[in-house]
Amino acid sequence: MLSFCFRYLRNYDQIRDAVQESLFKAFIKFHQFDEKKASFKTWVYTILRNTCINYLREGRRKPFIPVSTLQLNYFLPDREAIEPLDQMVADEQTYILQEALGSLSEENKRIIKFEILSGFSNKASAKAFNMTHDGYRARLYRIRKELRGNEKLARYYIDN
């Protein structure tokens, strides 16, 4: 599958993401597979080809940022481009946010990080975690409520 993808995409990170996304789509849509129309391999490779084409289309509109490079600091301003006082505030924000996330259970950390970084709909995210759509939404609500209840996080954002 990787070599098939390489014909379309020349970026290793994009290739891995496209293969993973294609397998996820195939898993989600498996109930729509009809062996009378095509073999399973043909069906999966069609999904893979269409995913690669979509990556090529999106590549013209927005730059690709590998998920492996995304960290909390990615969303904060460049350290050299801001004033020392602003840097202190940014460092404090990062520390408080990391501490608040650290208070969550491992499963809740995975869910909230997946929600922030994936861009999937709640239905697709629920299927990724083997949950019902309503169960996933309820879990997100509880996680957000727990984060809002974090004393340091609430004090910082209410005071500032």
Protein backbone atom coordinates (compact mmCIF):
# COMPACT_ATOMS: atom_id res chain seq x y z
CA MET A 1 0.00 0.00 0.00
CA LEU A 2 2.86 2.36 0.78
CA SER A 3 4.47 1.87 -2.64
CA PHE A 4 1.09 2.40 -4.32
CA CYS A 5 0.70 5.68 -2.43
CA PHE A 6 4.24 6.73 -3.31
CA ARG A 7 3.16 7.02 -6.96
CA TYR A 8 0.84 9.86 -5.97
CA LEU A 9 2.47 11.41 -2.93
CA ARG A 10 6.21 11.88 -2.52
CA ASN A 11 6.11 12.78 1.17
CA TYR A 12 6.60 9.88 3.59
CA ASP A 13 4.47 11.47 6.33
CA GLN A 14 1.61 12.07 3.90
CA ILE A 15 1.90 8.52 2.58
CA ARG A 16 1.63 7.05 6.07
CA ASP A 17 -1.29 9.33 6.90
CA ALA A 18 -3.08 8.49 3.64
CA VAL A 19 -2.71 4.74 4.21
CA GLN A 20 -3.92 5.05 7.81
CA GLU A 21 -6.85 7.24 6.79
CA SER A 22 -7.77 4.83 3.98
CA LEU A 23 -7.77 1.84 6.30
CA PHE A 24 -9.87 3.79 8.78
CA LYS A 25 -12.36 4.69 6.02
CA ALA A 26 -12.47 1.06 4.87
CA PHE A 27 -13.14 -0.08 8.43
CA ILE A 28 -15.91 2.48 8.91
CA LYS A 29 -17.54 1.76 5.54
CA PHE A 30 -17.04 -2.02 5.56
CA HIS A 31 -20.80 -2.54 5.76
CA GLN A 32 -21.04 -0.93 2.28
CA PHE A 33 -18.59 -3.38 0.71
CA ASP A 34 -20.25 -5.56 -1.95
CA GLU A 35 -18.19 -8.52 -3.13
CA LYS A 36 -20.39 -8.81 -6.20
CA LYS A 37 -19.10 -5.45 -7.50
CA ALA A 38 -15.38 -5.84 -6.75
CA SER A 39 -12.86 -7.82 -4.75
CA PHE A 40 -11.94 -6.58 -1.30
CA LYS A 41 -8.43 -5.64 -2.45
CA THR A 42 -9.82 -3.58 -5.37
CA TRP A 43 -12.26 -1.84 -3.04
CA VAL A 44 -9.54 -0.92 -0.51
CA TYR A 45 -7.14 0.28 -3.21
CA THR A 46 -9.89 2.44 -4.71
CA ILE A 47 -10.35 4.09 -1.32
CA LEU A 48 -6.57 4.51 -1.08
CA ARG A 49 -6.32 6.07 -4.56
CA ASN A 50 -9.15 8.51 -3.82
CA THR A 51 -7.56 9.47 -0.50
CA CYS A 52 -4.22 10.15 -2.24
CA ILE A 53 -5.97 12.30 -4.84
CA ASN A 54 -7.69 14.24 -2.05
CA TYR A 55 -4.31 14.81 -0.40
CA LEU A 56 -2.97 16.19 -3.67
CA ARG A 57 -5.95 18.54 -3.98
CA GLU A 58 -5.62 19.74 -0.39
CA GLY A 59 -1.86 20.20 -0.78
CA ARG A 60 -2.41 23.05 -3.18
CA ARG A 61 -4.62 24.87 -0.69
CA LYS A 62 -2.81 24.38 2.59
CA PRO A 63 0.69 23.33 3.66
CA PHE A 64 1.17 19.86 5.12
CA ILE A 65 2.23 19.76 8.78
CA PRO A 66 3.17 16.27 9.98
CA VAL A 67 1.32 15.28 13.15
CA SER A 68 4.62 14.09 14.62
CA THR A 69 5.82 17.72 14.74
CA LEU A 70 2.70 19.04 16.46
CA GLN A 71 3.25 19.90 20.08
CA LEU A 72 1.57 22.28 22.45
CA ASN A 73 4.22 24.89 21.65
CA TYR A 74 3.28 24.73 17.97
CA PHE A 75 0.18 26.77 18.73
CA LEU A 76 2.06 29.42 20.71
CA PRO A 77 4.00 32.36 19.23
CA ASP A 78 7.66 32.04 18.26
CA ARG A 79 9.85 32.61 21.35
CA GLU A 80 12.19 35.07 19.62
CA ALA A 81 9.36 37.14 18.16
CA ILE A 82 7.75 38.18 21.45
CA GLU A 83 8.67 40.41 24.35
CA PRO A 84 10.07 38.90 27.59
CA LEU A 85 6.92 39.64 29.59
CA ASP A 86 4.75 38.08 26.90
CA GLN A 87 7.11 35.09 26.89
CA MET A 88 6.63 34.66 30.63
CA VAL A 89 2.85 34.69 30.14
CA ALA A 90 3.11 32.15 27.29
CA ASP A 91 5.33 29.89 29.44
CA GLU A 92 2.85 30.12 32.30
CA GLN A 93 -0.05 29.30 29.97
CA THR A 94 1.81 26.27 28.65
CA TYR A 95 2.64 25.05 32.15
CA ILE A 96 -0.93 25.48 33.44
CA LEU A 97 -2.44 23.78 30.38
CA GLN A 98 -0.01 20.85 30.60
CA GLU A 99 -0.73 20.49 34.30
CA ALA A 100 -4.49 20.53 33.66
CA LEU A 101 -4.16 17.88 30.95
CA GLY A 102 -1.95 15.86 33.29
CA SER A 103 -4.80 15.63 35.79
CA LEU A 104 -6.96 13.73 33.26
CA SER A 105 -7.04 9.96 32.95
CA GLU A 106 -5.00 8.47 30.09
CA GLU A 107 -8.15 7.66 28.09
CA ASN A 108 -9.51 11.20 28.54
CA LYS A 109 -6.14 12.67 27.48
CA ARG A 110 -6.22 10.59 24.30
CA ILE A 111 -9.78 11.67 23.54
CA ILE A 112 -9.25 15.41 24.07
CA LYS A 113 -5.96 15.42 22.13
CA PHE A 114 -7.57 13.45 19.30
CA GLU A 115 -10.48 15.90 19.29
CA ILE A 116 -8.17 18.91 19.07
CA LEU A 117 -5.72 17.57 16.49
CA SER A 118 -7.69 15.20 14.25
CA GLY A 119 -10.33 17.41 12.67
CA PHE A 120 -12.67 14.41 12.40
CA SER A 121 -16.38 14.77 13.04
CA ASN A 122 -17.72 13.55 16.37
CA LYS A 123 -19.27 10.53 14.65
CA ALA A 124 -15.96 9.46 13.10
CA SER A 125 -14.11 10.12 16.36
CA ALA A 126 -16.66 8.06 18.28
CA LYS A 127 -16.09 5.13 15.92
CA ALA A 128 -12.32 5.48 16.33
CA PHE A 129 -12.76 5.05 20.10
CA ASN A 130 -15.40 2.33 19.66
CA MET A 131 -18.06 4.47 21.32
CA THR A 132 -21.54 5.58 20.35
CA HIS A 133 -21.90 9.10 19.02
CA ASP A 134 -23.90 10.21 22.07
CA GLY A 135 -21.46 8.48 24.42
CA TYR A 136 -18.53 10.27 22.78
CA ARG A 137 -20.26 13.66 23.00
CA ALA A 138 -21.08 13.03 26.67
CA ARG A 139 -17.46 12.05 27.37
CA LEU A 140 -16.19 15.23 25.68
CA TYR A 141 -18.63 17.29 27.73
CA ARG A 142 -17.38 15.67 30.97
CA ILE A 143 -13.72 16.16 29.98
CA ARG A 144 -14.27 19.83 29.18
CA LYS A 145 -16.22 20.27 32.39
CA GLU A 146 -13.36 18.66 34.33
CA LEU A 147 -10.87 21.01 32.66
CA ARG A 148 -13.05 24.03 33.44
CA GLY A 149 -13.19 22.80 37.05
CA ASN A 150 -9.40 22.73 37.32
CA GLU A 151 -8.66 25.35 39.98
CA LYS A 152 -5.43 26.73 38.51
CA LEU A 153 -6.78 26.77 34.96
CA ALA A 154 -10.02 28.46 36.02
CA ARG A 155 -8.23 31.00 38.24
CA TYR A 156 -5.78 31.91 35.50
CA TYR A 157 -8.35 32.41 32.79
CA ILE A 158 -10.83 34.22 35.05
CA ASP A 159 -8.16 36.57 36.43
CA ASN A 160 -6.58 37.25 33.02
